Amino acid sequence: MTRPRKRKRDPNSIAQDTRQGERDQAWLSWAPLIAAAVGLSVYLPSVAGGFVFDDGELILRNPSIRSLQNIGVVLRYEPARPLLNVTWALNYAFGGIAPWHYHLVNVLIHAGNGALLASLFLWMAQRLRLAQAKPIALLGACLYVASPMAAETVAYVASRSSALSALFTLASLRVAVSVLSGGPRRRLGAAMGFFLFALATKEEAAALPLMLILLDYFFVSEQRAAAIKGRLWIHASFLAVLPLGLLARRLATGAWLPPPAIDPGLYLLTQAAAFPLYFFRAVIPLDPALYRHHPPATWPPDGATMAFLFLVTVMAIVTVVKRRERPEWSFAVVCLAAGLLPSSSIVSLNEMVVDHRAYLGSIGVAFALGGLLWRIGGFRLGLVVLVVLSARSLSYQWVLGDPVRAWEDAVARSPNAPDALCALAESYAERGDPRAEDLFIRATRLDPSNYRYWANLGLYYGERGRPAQAVVALRSALQRKPGEASVHDYLGQILQGLGRDDEAALEFEAAINAEPTFATAYANLAALVLKQGDDQKARRLLEAGAPFVSDSDEAEAFARLRARLR
């Protein structure tokens, strides 16, 4: 029996099918806008949230953002991140301290990152010659913007630093890769400009030169190191910015790097062991958290640390061995490592593991996941996964939307984390919840050496009319950190309220000695000596403190005292 011959298709039919397929995928040309719309819709509910944790320090108690008239004050307030502080000032000029517009800017930045990623992912997919480059790129970008692991970056206002730095970094990378793949060299000026903006927003942008090298290696040079040689001058230009950035930081802050929170060696060990956790949460992004009580590693390492270090070794070996067979996954691993490097290496920070540190580096994982899901189940599977991720993101935004809910969630995760207990106590205290006192006390017992827990307990007692207990707690805080000006000043106010003026004067003087630019302490001491009848000393104090007045409350206090001296 002869097999029937395969019928040849009419060339006109093939051309017609091709044109139909192009028309069916015409909507994919709008991929950047679609990705941005997904990010906007998923995280727009966070606009209803309030301020949490560091938001108070960066916004509510930040005098430099109150006016844009003196831009120098705005830029110098946080000299290592001047551009970030400008955005706070712009927000304040728009709508004061109403939280919604701060959240909205974060959401818009995140949406912009989705648009940039859709474009970058399409370039990556086309360089890998993937058959379905457009849908894979779009799905990867949508997975990124819908990820619950972005919640701590987007829905927590203070994490704007990571989102905005990523926006400038992605813009720089997108322009730079077009030059790497043959585009006009004049575009490098724009790419370098975006890089400088990113560095002026947050130090995490220092990962950009390494990420650019990885993009070149995997998507332009096709994993041939020798092929990069002709473009070394481009990479050298970006790498040269890093020592210049360190020099600028030294000039602006007086230090090359932030002071280490723990031993740098233990910090590096901790971060190496934590890498699989970052990667796992990027692949299965269902466990977002505002605060993770991840303890630092010990020396010698314990069993868990050794197990995770072994897993890191296995991941490294697989990444190298499978780099040609699965280039997108090898890129995902090394891209995440590159993104984490500035914050998770030798510069030891207070928190060991934080979600926003992986915000930029996880772009490679999103790209690889987009390709995997599309190959397995196409549009339908991708849509199902997006719905699941969006639902989880929405639920965690609701948690982050209220400080009490956010810190109750953190305490539920880590019942013995003093930072979480103290933050929850502060949230309770703001609402008059009596449970605050017990939580403050628990924090001091878990970590008696931390002055901040004692200071917050003293503030709590003082605000509730319990001055004797406030004095005890504040003196305990000063035993732990004698040079904390704000504690000296508040203790002086409590002592003055108790009629112990001589002791109060000593505390105000201690505050001024500890922080000579602390205008409030000058005003408090001037008011005290004026009460004692020493007009000349009060006048000298007001003259000395006047140059350091930085907000309307301080200006009003100085004006009242000057009026009494006339």
Protein backbone atom coordinates (compact mmCIF):
# COMPACT_ATOMS: atom_id res chain seq x y z
CA MET A 1 0.00 0.00 0.00
CA THR A 2 1.49 3.31 -1.04
CA ARG A 3 1.43 6.26 1.32
CA PRO A 4 -0.48 9.23 -0.10
CA ARG A 5 1.72 12.11 -1.05
CA LYS A 6 1.70 15.17 1.18
CA ARG A 7 -0.25 17.87 -0.53
CA LYS A 8 1.72 21.04 -1.21
CA ARG A 9 0.20 24.22 0.11
CA ASP A 10 -0.58 27.00 -2.26
CA PRO A 11 1.96 29.85 -1.80
CA ASN A 12 -0.92 32.32 -1.90
CA SER A 13 -2.56 30.45 0.99
CA ILE A 14 0.68 30.57 3.00
CA ALA A 15 1.00 34.30 2.41
CA GLN A 16 -2.63 34.81 3.38
CA ASP A 17 -2.12 32.83 6.63
CA THR A 18 0.99 34.86 7.41
CA ARG A 19 -0.87 38.14 6.93
CA GLN A 20 -3.72 36.84 9.09
CA GLY A 21 -1.25 35.87 11.86
CA GLU A 22 0.29 39.32 11.72
CA ARG A 23 -3.14 40.90 12.00
CA ASP A 24 -4.04 38.61 14.90
CA GLN A 25 -0.90 39.73 16.75
CA ALA A 26 -1.15 43.39 15.80
CA TRP A 27 -2.23 44.22 19.34
CA LEU A 28 1.17 43.00 20.54
CA SER A 29 2.69 46.14 19.06
CA TRP A 30 1.10 47.90 22.03
CA ALA A 31 3.00 45.65 24.47
CA PRO A 32 4.67 48.50 26.45
CA LEU A 33 1.34 50.22 26.99
CA ILE A 34 -0.36 46.93 27.87
CA ALA A 35 2.33 46.06 30.44
CA ALA A 36 2.08 49.55 31.92
CA ALA A 37 -1.70 49.25 32.12
CA VAL A 38 -1.44 45.91 33.91
CA GLY A 39 0.98 47.35 36.46
CA LEU A 40 -1.22 50.40 36.94
CA SER A 41 -4.41 48.38 37.42
CA VAL A 42 -2.86 45.84 39.80
CA TYR A 43 -1.22 48.39 42.10
CA LEU A 44 -3.59 51.34 41.82
CA PRO A 45 -5.48 50.24 44.99
CA SER A 46 -2.33 51.03 47.00
CA VAL A 47 -3.19 54.72 46.50
CA ALA A 48 -5.69 54.31 49.35
CA GLY A 49 -2.88 53.34 51.75
CA GLY A 50 -1.17 55.43 54.38
CA PHE A 51 2.40 56.02 55.54
CA VAL A 52 4.35 53.14 57.12
CA PHE A 53 7.73 52.70 58.85
CA ASP A 54 10.43 54.91 57.22
CA ASP A 55 7.79 57.05 55.50
CA GLY A 56 7.63 59.13 58.68
CA GLU A 57 11.34 59.93 58.61
CA LEU A 58 11.51 60.58 54.87
CA ILE A 59 8.31 62.57 54.51
CA LEU A 60 6.44 63.51 57.69
CA ARG A 61 9.55 64.56 59.63
CA ASN A 62 11.65 65.72 56.69
CA PRO A 63 11.90 69.54 56.88
CA SER A 64 13.85 69.84 53.65
CA ILE A 65 10.91 68.95 51.42
CA ARG A 66 8.67 71.74 52.71
CA SER A 67 9.78 74.18 50.03
CA LEU A 68 11.38 73.98 46.59
CA GLN A 69 12.57 77.58 46.76
CA ASN A 70 15.94 76.56 48.23
CA ILE A 71 16.80 73.62 46.02
CA GLY A 72 20.22 73.34 47.68
CA VAL A 73 18.60 72.36 50.98
CA VAL A 74 16.52 69.73 49.18
CA LEU A 75 19.56 68.23 47.45
CA ARG A 76 21.79 68.24 50.54
CA TYR A 77 19.31 66.62 52.94
CA GLU A 78 20.16 63.13 51.69
CA PRO A 79 23.34 63.81 49.71
CA ALA A 80 23.83 60.21 48.58
CA ARG A 81 20.31 60.21 47.02
CA PRO A 82 19.59 63.83 46.06
CA LEU A 83 17.21 63.07 43.22
CA LEU A 84 14.99 60.95 45.48
CA ASN A 85 14.55 63.82 47.92
CA VAL A 86 13.57 66.10 45.03
CA THR A 87 10.66 63.77 44.27
CA TRP A 88 9.49 64.00 47.90
CA ALA A 89 9.64 67.79 47.66
CA LEU A 90 7.67 67.76 44.41
CA ASN A 91 5.03 65.57 46.03
CA TYR A 92 4.84 67.90 49.02
CA ALA A 93 4.47 70.93 46.76
CA PHE A 94 1.61 69.19 44.97
CA GLY A 95 -0.45 68.00 47.92
CA GLY A 96 1.31 68.31 51.27
CA ILE A 97 1.42 65.16 53.38
CA ALA A 98 -1.72 63.48 52.01
CA PRO A 99 -0.46 59.92 51.35
CA TRP A 100 -2.43 59.19 48.19
CA HIS A 101 -0.34 61.19 45.72
CA TYR A 102 2.94 59.75 47.08
CA HIS A 103 1.51 56.28 46.46
CA LEU A 104 0.26 57.29 43.02
CA VAL A 105 3.73 58.38 41.92
CA ASN A 106 5.11 55.01 43.03
CA VAL A 107 2.46 53.20 40.97
CA LEU A 108 3.18 55.32 37.89
CA ILE A 109 6.91 54.61 38.22
CA HIS A 110 6.18 50.88 38.45
CA ALA A 111 3.95 51.09 35.37
CA GLY A 112 6.77 52.87 33.53
CA ASN A 113 9.12 50.05 34.47
CA GLY A 114 6.66 47.59 32.94
CA ALA A 115 6.65 49.54 29.66
CA LEU A 116 10.45 49.63 29.52
CA LEU A 117 10.65 45.92 30.28
CA ALA A 118 8.22 45.00 27.52
CA SER A 119 10.53 46.76 25.08
CA LEU A 120 13.72 45.30 26.58
CA PHE A 121 12.24 41.80 26.72
CA LEU A 122 11.21 41.99 23.06
CA TRP A 123 14.80 42.89 22.17
CA MET A 124 16.04 39.95 24.27
CA ALA A 125 13.55 37.49 22.76
CA GLN A 126 14.40 38.56 19.23
CA ARG A 127 18.12 38.24 19.91
CA LEU A 128 17.47 34.65 21.06
CA ARG A 129 15.42 34.13 17.87
CA LEU A 130 12.40 32.92 19.82
CA ALA A 131 9.49 31.98 17.58
CA GLN A 132 6.92 33.87 19.66
CA ALA A 133 9.07 36.80 20.71
CA LYS A 134 6.26 39.36 21.07
CA PRO A 135 3.87 37.39 23.31
CA ILE A 136 6.75 36.06 25.42
CA ALA A 137 8.09 39.58 25.96
CA LEU A 138 4.65 40.91 26.88
CA LEU A 139 3.89 38.03 29.23
CA GLY A 140 7.25 38.41 30.98
CA ALA A 141 6.69 42.14 31.49
CA CYS A 142 3.16 41.55 32.80
CA LEU A 143 4.40 38.89 35.22
CA TYR A 144 6.92 41.40 36.54
CA VAL A 145 4.47 44.25 37.11
CA ALA A 146 1.79 41.97 38.62
CA SER A 147 4.21 40.19 40.96
CA PRO A 148 3.31 40.31 44.66
CA MET A 149 7.03 40.54 45.39
CA ALA A 150 6.88 44.09 44.00
CA ALA A 151 4.39 45.12 46.70
CA GLU A 152 7.04 46.19 49.22
CA THR A 153 8.61 48.37 46.51
CA VAL A 154 5.44 49.87 45.05
CA ALA A 155 2.91 50.02 47.91
CA TYR A 156 5.42 51.19 50.55
CA VAL A 157 6.20 54.83 49.78
CA ALA A 158 9.77 54.84 51.13
CA SER A 159 10.76 52.11 48.67
CA ARG A 160 10.32 54.57 45.81
CA SER A 161 14.11 54.72 45.86
CA SER A 162 14.31 51.20 44.38
CA ALA A 163 11.49 51.69 41.87
CA LEU A 164 12.75 55.05 40.59
CA SER A 165 16.35 53.89 40.42
CA ALA A 166 15.14 50.86 38.44
CA LEU A 167 13.23 53.16 36.06
CA PHE A 168 16.37 55.10 35.15
CA THR A 169 18.46 51.92 35.07
CA LEU A 170 16.07 50.15 32.69
CA ALA A 171 15.90 53.23 30.47
CA SER A 172 19.70 53.31 30.36
CA LEU A 173 19.93 49.59 29.59
CA ARG A 174 17.30 49.77 26.86
CA VAL A 175 19.13 52.57 25.08
CA ALA A 176 22.57 51.02 25.62
CA VAL A 177 21.65 47.57 24.24
CA SER A 178 20.45 49.18 21.04
CA VAL A 179 23.99 50.53 20.61
CA LEU A 180 25.50 47.13 21.47
CA SER A 181 23.44 45.54 18.70
CA GLY A 182 24.45 48.08 16.05
CA GLY A 183 22.46 51.24 16.78
CA PRO A 184 23.86 54.78 16.54
CA ARG A 185 26.64 55.50 19.03
CA ARG A 186 25.22 58.93 19.81
CA ARG A 187 22.56 57.19 21.92
CA LEU A 188 25.20 56.40 24.53
CA GLY A 189 24.95 59.96 25.82
CA ALA A 190 21.31 59.39 26.73
CA ALA A 191 22.12 56.01 28.26
CA MET A 192 24.85 57.56 30.40
CA GLY A 193 22.52 60.36 31.46
CA PHE A 194 19.90 57.87 32.65
CA PHE A 195 22.64 55.98 34.51
CA LEU A 196 23.68 59.12 36.37
CA PHE A 197 20.05 59.81 37.30
CA ALA A 198 19.78 56.25 38.61
CA LEU A 199 22.90 56.62 40.76
CA ALA A 200 21.59 59.93 42.12
CA THR A 201 18.45 58.08 43.22
CA LYS A 202 19.89 54.99 44.91
CA GLU A 203 23.16 53.11 45.13
CA GLU A 204 21.58 49.92 43.74
CA ALA A 205 22.07 51.41 40.25
CA ALA A 206 25.75 50.49 40.56
CA ALA A 207 24.66 47.07 39.24
CA LEU A 208 24.01 48.56 35.78
CA PRO A 209 27.48 48.08 34.22
CA LEU A 210 27.53 44.40 35.17
CA MET A 211 23.97 43.88 33.92
CA LEU A 212 24.93 45.51 30.62
CA ILE A 213 27.87 43.13 30.25
CA LEU A 214 25.53 40.19 30.89
CA LEU A 215 23.06 41.44 28.29
CA ASP A 216 25.92 41.73 25.82
CA TYR A 217 27.25 38.25 26.62
CA PHE A 218 23.92 36.40 26.43
CA PHE A 219 22.03 38.36 23.77
CA VAL A 220 24.57 40.06 21.49
CA SER A 221 27.79 38.04 21.66
CA GLU A 222 25.90 34.74 21.87
CA GLN A 223 28.05 33.68 24.83
CA ARG A 224 31.33 34.25 23.03
CA ALA A 225 33.50 36.34 25.33
CA ALA A 226 35.88 37.22 22.50
CA ALA A 227 33.03 38.90 20.62
CA ILE A 228 32.69 41.51 23.38
CA LYS A 229 36.18 42.87 22.76
CA GLY A 230 35.05 45.28 20.08
CA ARG A 231 32.59 46.82 22.54
CA LEU A 232 34.83 46.97 25.58
CA TRP A 233 35.04 50.75 25.32
CA ILE A 234 31.30 50.97 25.89
CA HIS A 235 31.44 48.82 29.00
CA ALA A 236 34.54 50.63 30.24
CA SER A 237 32.67 53.93 30.00
CA PHE A 238 29.92 52.71 32.31
CA LEU A 239 32.35 51.02 34.69
CA ALA A 240 34.39 54.23 34.95
CA VAL A 241 31.37 56.03 36.42
CA LEU A 242 31.44 53.84 39.54
CA PRO A 243 34.69 55.17 41.08
CA LEU A 244 33.57 58.68 40.17
CA GLY A 245 30.30 57.99 41.97
CA LEU A 246 32.20 56.82 45.04
CA LEU A 247 34.27 60.00 44.95
CA ALA A 248 31.10 62.10 44.69
CA ARG A 249 29.65 60.24 47.66
CA ARG A 250 32.81 60.90 49.64
CA LEU A 251 32.62 64.62 48.88
CA ALA A 252 28.91 64.84 49.64
CA THR A 253 28.73 62.71 52.80
CA GLY A 254 32.30 62.53 54.08
CA ALA A 255 32.38 58.73 53.70
CA TRP A 256 33.16 56.39 50.83
CA LEU A 257 30.50 53.91 51.92
CA PRO A 258 27.79 53.68 54.62
CA PRO A 259 29.08 52.54 58.02
CA PRO A 260 28.83 48.75 58.43
CA ALA A 261 25.93 47.51 60.52
CA ILE A 262 27.64 44.17 61.26
CA ASP A 263 30.94 42.52 60.41
CA PRO A 264 31.25 42.68 56.58
CA GLY A 265 32.40 39.08 56.41
CA LEU A 266 29.35 37.79 58.26
CA TYR A 267 27.12 40.02 56.17
CA LEU A 268 28.57 38.61 52.93
CA LEU A 269 28.11 35.09 54.25
CA THR A 270 24.50 35.88 55.14
CA GLN A 271 23.78 37.32 51.70
CA ALA A 272 25.35 34.39 49.85
CA ALA A 273 23.23 31.94 51.83
CA ALA A 274 20.11 34.07 51.25
CA PHE A 275 20.46 34.09 47.45
CA PRO A 276 18.40 30.91 46.87
CA LEU A 277 15.59 32.48 48.92
CA TYR A 278 15.59 35.57 46.71
CA PHE A 279 15.57 33.38 43.60
CA PHE A 280 12.81 31.08 44.87
CA ARG A 281 10.60 34.05 45.79
CA ALA A 282 11.18 35.55 42.34
CA VAL A 283 10.17 32.30 40.61
CA ILE A 284 7.17 31.68 42.91
CA PRO A 285 6.34 35.22 44.05
CA LEU A 286 3.60 34.48 46.56
CA ASP A 287 5.30 35.44 49.82
CA PRO A 288 5.64 39.24 49.95
CA ALA A 289 6.64 40.91 53.22
CA LEU A 290 7.32 44.41 54.48
CA TYR A 291 9.75 43.11 57.09
CA ARG A 292 11.62 39.81 57.31
CA HIS A 293 13.44 39.01 60.53
CA HIS A 294 16.29 37.21 58.79
CA PRO A 295 19.12 36.72 61.31
CA PRO A 296 22.74 37.30 60.30
CA ALA A 297 24.99 34.29 59.83
CA THR A 298 27.28 33.16 62.61
CA TRP A 299 30.85 31.91 62.52
CA PRO A 300 31.34 29.06 62.20
CA PRO A 301 28.25 28.71 59.97
CA ASP A 302 25.35 26.66 61.26
CA GLY A 303 23.75 23.76 59.39
CA ALA A 304 21.12 25.86 57.62
CA THR A 305 23.72 28.32 56.33
CA MET A 306 25.89 25.47 55.05
CA ALA A 307 22.90 23.87 53.30
CA PHE A 308 22.03 27.11 51.52
CA LEU A 309 25.66 27.70 50.54
CA PHE A 310 25.71 24.21 49.02
CA LEU A 311 22.55 25.08 47.11
CA VAL A 312 24.22 28.27 45.82
CA THR A 313 27.13 26.16 44.57
CA VAL A 314 24.77 23.80 42.77
CA MET A 315 22.91 26.75 41.21
CA ALA A 316 26.21 28.22 39.99
CA ILE A 317 27.30 24.94 38.42
CA VAL A 318 23.95 24.38 36.68
CA THR A 319 23.95 27.99 35.46
CA VAL A 320 27.33 27.51 33.78
CA VAL A 321 26.70 24.02 32.41
CA LYS A 322 23.24 24.80 31.03
CA ARG A 323 23.98 28.31 29.77
CA ARG A 324 23.78 27.33 26.07
CA GLU A 325 20.84 25.00 26.43
CA ARG A 326 18.82 27.37 28.65
CA PRO A 327 20.38 30.83 28.19
CA GLU A 328 17.32 32.65 29.53
CA TRP A 329 17.49 30.81 32.86
CA SER A 330 21.25 31.20 33.18
CA PHE A 331 20.77 34.90 32.55
CA ALA A 332 18.00 34.97 35.18
CA VAL A 333 20.36 33.63 37.85
CA VAL A 334 23.33 35.89 37.11
CA CYS A 335 21.10 38.95 36.52
CA LEU A 336 19.54 38.52 39.97
CA ALA A 337 23.00 38.13 41.50
CA ALA A 338 24.16 41.31 39.73
CA GLY A 339 21.13 43.26 40.89
CA LEU A 340 21.67 42.20 44.49
CA LEU A 341 25.41 42.87 44.49
CA PRO A 342 25.43 46.57 45.53
CA SER A 343 23.17 46.02 48.56
CA SER A 344 24.08 42.45 49.43
CA SER A 345 27.86 42.26 49.41
CA ILE A 346 30.55 44.08 51.39
CA VAL A 347 28.42 47.08 52.43
CA SER A 348 26.66 45.58 55.44
CA LEU A 349 23.20 47.04 56.08
CA ASN A 350 20.81 46.71 59.01
CA GLU A 351 18.25 44.37 57.45
CA MET A 352 19.58 41.10 56.10
CA VAL A 353 16.86 40.26 53.54
CA VAL A 354 14.48 42.82 52.02
CA ASP A 355 12.13 42.33 49.08
CA HIS A 356 12.93 45.59 47.29
CA ARG A 357 16.59 44.63 46.85
CA ALA A 358 15.52 42.04 44.25
CA TYR A 359 13.20 44.43 42.38
CA LEU A 360 15.71 45.28 39.63
CA GLY A 361 17.63 42.01 39.49
CA SER A 362 14.51 39.85 39.12
CA ILE A 363 13.84 41.10 35.59
CA GLY A 364 15.71 38.09 34.22
CA VAL A 365 13.48 35.70 36.15
CA ALA A 366 10.36 37.42 34.78
CA PHE A 367 11.67 37.04 31.22
CA ALA A 368 12.49 33.34 31.68
CA LEU A 369 9.11 32.68 33.31
CA GLY A 370 7.31 34.41 30.46
CA GLY A 371 8.96 32.09 27.96
CA LEU A 372 8.35 28.99 30.06
CA LEU A 373 4.65 29.68 30.64
CA TRP A 374 4.05 30.55 27.00
CA ARG A 375 5.68 27.32 25.80
CA ILE A 376 3.68 25.23 28.30
CA GLY A 377 0.23 26.72 27.97
CA GLY A 378 0.26 29.81 25.81
CA PHE A 379 -2.06 32.73 26.41
CA ARG A 380 -4.51 30.87 28.62
CA LEU A 381 -1.94 29.64 31.13
CA GLY A 382 -0.28 33.04 31.16
CA LEU A 383 -3.61 34.71 31.90
CA VAL A 384 -4.38 32.28 34.74
CA VAL A 385 -1.01 32.92 36.36
CA LEU A 386 -1.45 36.68 35.99
CA VAL A 387 -4.85 36.52 37.68
CA VAL A 388 -3.39 34.54 40.60
CA LEU A 389 -0.46 36.92 41.03
CA SER A 390 -2.73 39.96 40.77
CA ALA A 391 -5.07 38.60 43.42
CA ARG A 392 -2.16 38.00 45.81
CA SER A 393 -0.77 41.46 45.09
CA LEU A 394 -4.14 43.04 45.83
CA SER A 395 -4.49 41.16 49.10
CA TYR A 396 -1.05 42.21 50.31
CA GLN A 397 -1.63 45.80 49.29
CA TRP A 398 -4.58 45.74 51.67
CA VAL A 399 -2.20 44.60 54.42
CA LEU A 400 0.32 47.34 53.63
CA GLY A 401 -2.40 49.95 53.36
CA ASP A 402 -2.67 50.28 57.14
CA PRO A 403 0.34 50.50 59.52
CA VAL A 404 -1.37 48.34 62.14
CA ARG A 405 -2.20 45.58 59.65
CA ALA A 406 1.29 45.76 58.14
CA TRP A 407 3.05 45.36 61.48
CA GLU A 408 0.60 42.80 62.82
CA ASP A 409 1.51 40.75 59.76
CA ALA A 410 5.23 41.27 60.46
CA VAL A 411 4.84 40.27 64.13
CA ALA A 412 2.82 37.21 63.12
CA ARG A 413 5.76 36.20 60.90
CA SER A 414 8.40 36.97 63.52
CA PRO A 415 6.95 37.16 67.04
CA ASN A 416 10.38 37.76 68.58
CA ALA A 417 11.61 40.48 66.22
CA PRO A 418 12.07 43.61 68.39
CA ASP A 419 11.97 45.98 65.40
CA ALA A 420 8.59 44.63 64.34
CA LEU A 421 7.27 44.74 67.92
CA CYS A 422 8.42 48.32 68.36
CA ALA A 423 6.90 49.41 65.04
CA LEU A 424 3.60 47.75 65.89
CA ALA A 425 3.69 49.44 69.30
CA GLU A 426 4.16 52.83 67.61
CA SER A 427 1.18 52.12 65.35
CA TYR A 428 -0.94 51.13 68.34
CA ALA A 429 0.20 54.20 70.29
CA GLU A 430 -0.87 56.55 67.48
CA ARG A 431 -4.39 55.12 67.81
CA GLY A 432 -4.47 55.11 71.59
CA ASP A 433 -4.40 51.33 71.78
CA PRO A 434 -3.19 50.31 75.28
CA ARG A 435 -1.48 47.20 73.87
CA ALA A 436 1.36 49.50 72.79
CA GLU A 437 2.98 49.62 76.23
CA ASP A 438 3.42 45.86 76.52
CA LEU A 439 4.95 45.68 73.04
CA PHE A 440 7.43 48.48 73.79
CA ILE A 441 8.47 46.67 76.97
CA ARG A 442 8.83 43.36 75.11
CA ALA A 443 11.11 45.05 72.58
CA THR A 444 13.38 46.42 75.34
CA ARG A 445 13.58 42.99 76.91
CA LEU A 446 14.41 41.23 73.66
CA ASP A 447 17.15 43.74 72.85
CA PRO A 448 18.03 45.82 75.94
CA SER A 449 21.02 47.41 74.17
CA ASN A 450 18.97 49.23 71.53
CA TYR A 451 18.46 52.84 72.63
CA ARG A 452 15.57 53.39 70.21
CA TYR A 453 13.26 50.97 72.00
CA TRP A 454 13.84 52.75 75.31
CA ALA A 455 13.40 56.15 73.65
CA ASN A 456 10.09 55.13 72.11
CA LEU A 457 8.92 53.77 75.46
CA GLY A 458 9.88 57.09 77.08
CA LEU A 459 8.01 59.03 74.39
CA TYR A 460 4.96 56.83 74.94
CA TYR A 461 5.00 57.52 78.71
CA GLY A 462 5.55 61.23 78.18
CA GLU A 463 2.65 61.60 75.78
CA ARG A 464 0.36 59.82 78.22
CA GLY A 465 1.12 61.99 81.21
CA ARG A 466 3.43 59.56 83.00
CA PRO A 467 6.56 61.75 83.33
CA ALA A 468 8.33 59.78 86.06
CA GLN A 469 8.30 56.60 83.97
CA ALA A 470 9.27 58.63 80.90
CA VAL A 471 12.39 59.93 82.68
CA VAL A 472 13.47 56.42 83.61
CA ALA A 473 13.02 55.11 80.06
CA LEU A 474 14.73 58.11 78.44
CA ARG A 475 17.71 57.88 80.78
CA SER A 476 17.96 54.20 79.87
CA ALA A 477 18.04 55.22 76.22
CA LEU A 478 20.86 57.69 76.88
CA GLN A 479 22.85 55.03 78.71
CA ARG A 480 22.81 53.05 75.45
CA LYS A 481 23.50 56.06 73.21
CA PRO A 482 24.70 59.11 75.17
CA GLY A 483 25.00 61.40 72.17
CA GLU A 484 21.43 61.18 70.85
CA ALA A 485 20.35 64.82 70.70
CA SER A 486 16.62 64.23 70.25
CA VAL A 487 16.47 62.08 73.40
CA HIS A 488 18.33 64.71 75.43
CA ASP A 489 15.94 67.36 74.17
CA TYR A 490 12.78 65.39 74.96
CA LEU A 491 14.11 64.42 78.38
CA GLY A 492 14.73 68.12 79.01
CA GLN A 493 11.11 68.90 78.16
CA ILE A 494 9.87 66.20 80.56
CA LEU A 495 12.13 67.42 83.37
CA GLN A 496 11.02 71.01 82.80
CA GLY A 497 7.41 69.88 83.10
CA LEU A 498 8.30 68.31 86.44
CA GLY A 499 9.75 71.63 87.63
CA ARG A 500 13.33 70.36 87.54
CA ASP A 501 14.61 73.30 85.49
CA ASP A 502 18.31 72.93 86.28
CA GLU A 503 18.32 69.31 85.12
CA ALA A 504 16.29 70.30 82.06
CA ALA A 505 18.83 72.98 81.12
CA LEU A 506 21.63 70.43 81.27
CA GLU A 507 19.74 68.15 78.89
CA PHE A 508 19.07 70.95 76.41
CA GLU A 509 22.76 71.88 76.51
CA ALA A 510 23.70 68.24 75.98
CA ALA A 511 21.41 68.14 72.93
CA ILE A 512 23.11 71.22 71.45
CA ASN A 513 26.58 69.84 72.15
CA ALA A 514 25.66 66.52 70.54
CA GLU A 515 24.06 68.17 67.49
CA PRO A 516 25.02 71.86 67.09
CA THR A 517 22.48 72.30 64.26
CA PHE A 518 19.50 71.15 66.38
CA ALA A 519 17.37 74.32 66.26
CA THR A 520 14.62 72.98 68.55
CA ALA A 521 17.06 72.49 71.42
CA TYR A 522 18.22 76.13 71.11
CA ALA A 523 14.60 77.28 71.27
CA ASN A 524 13.79 75.10 74.28
CA LEU A 525 16.85 76.25 76.20
CA ALA A 526 16.17 79.89 75.27
CA ALA A 527 12.61 79.59 76.58
CA LEU A 528 13.90 78.12 79.84
CA VAL A 529 16.53 80.80 80.49
CA LEU A 530 14.05 83.50 79.48
CA LYS A 531 11.70 82.13 82.11
CA GLN A 532 14.57 82.42 84.59
CA GLY A 533 15.03 86.08 83.61
CA ASP A 534 18.26 85.81 81.61
CA ASP A 535 17.23 87.78 78.52
CA GLN A 536 20.77 88.19 77.18
CA LYS A 537 21.49 84.45 77.19
CA ALA A 538 18.14 83.76 75.57
CA ARG A 539 18.95 86.27 72.81
CA ARG A 540 22.36 84.67 72.23
CA LEU A 541 20.78 81.23 71.98
CA LEU A 542 18.23 82.42 69.45
CA GLU A 543 20.93 84.06 67.35
CA ALA A 544 23.03 80.89 67.48
CA GLY A 545 20.14 78.60 66.55
CA ALA A 546 18.49 80.79 63.89
CA PRO A 547 20.68 79.58 60.96
CA PHE A 548 19.52 76.01 61.58
CA VAL A 549 15.76 76.63 61.50
CA SER A 550 14.40 74.27 58.83
CA ASP A 551 10.62 74.14 59.13
CA SER A 552 7.62 76.29 59.95
CA ASP A 553 7.21 74.95 63.50
CA GLU A 554 10.76 75.89 64.44
CA ALA A 555 10.41 79.28 62.76
CA GLU A 556 7.22 79.96 64.73
CA ALA A 557 8.89 78.98 68.03
CA PHE A 558 11.80 81.36 67.37
CA ALA A 559 9.41 84.17 66.39
CA ARG A 560 7.41 83.80 69.63
CA LEU A 561 10.57 83.96 71.74
CA ARG A 562 11.88 87.02 69.89
CA ALA A 563 8.54 88.73 70.48
CA ARG A 564 8.90 88.13 74.23
CA LEU A 565 12.37 89.72 74.17
CA ARG A 566 11.21 93.01 72.70
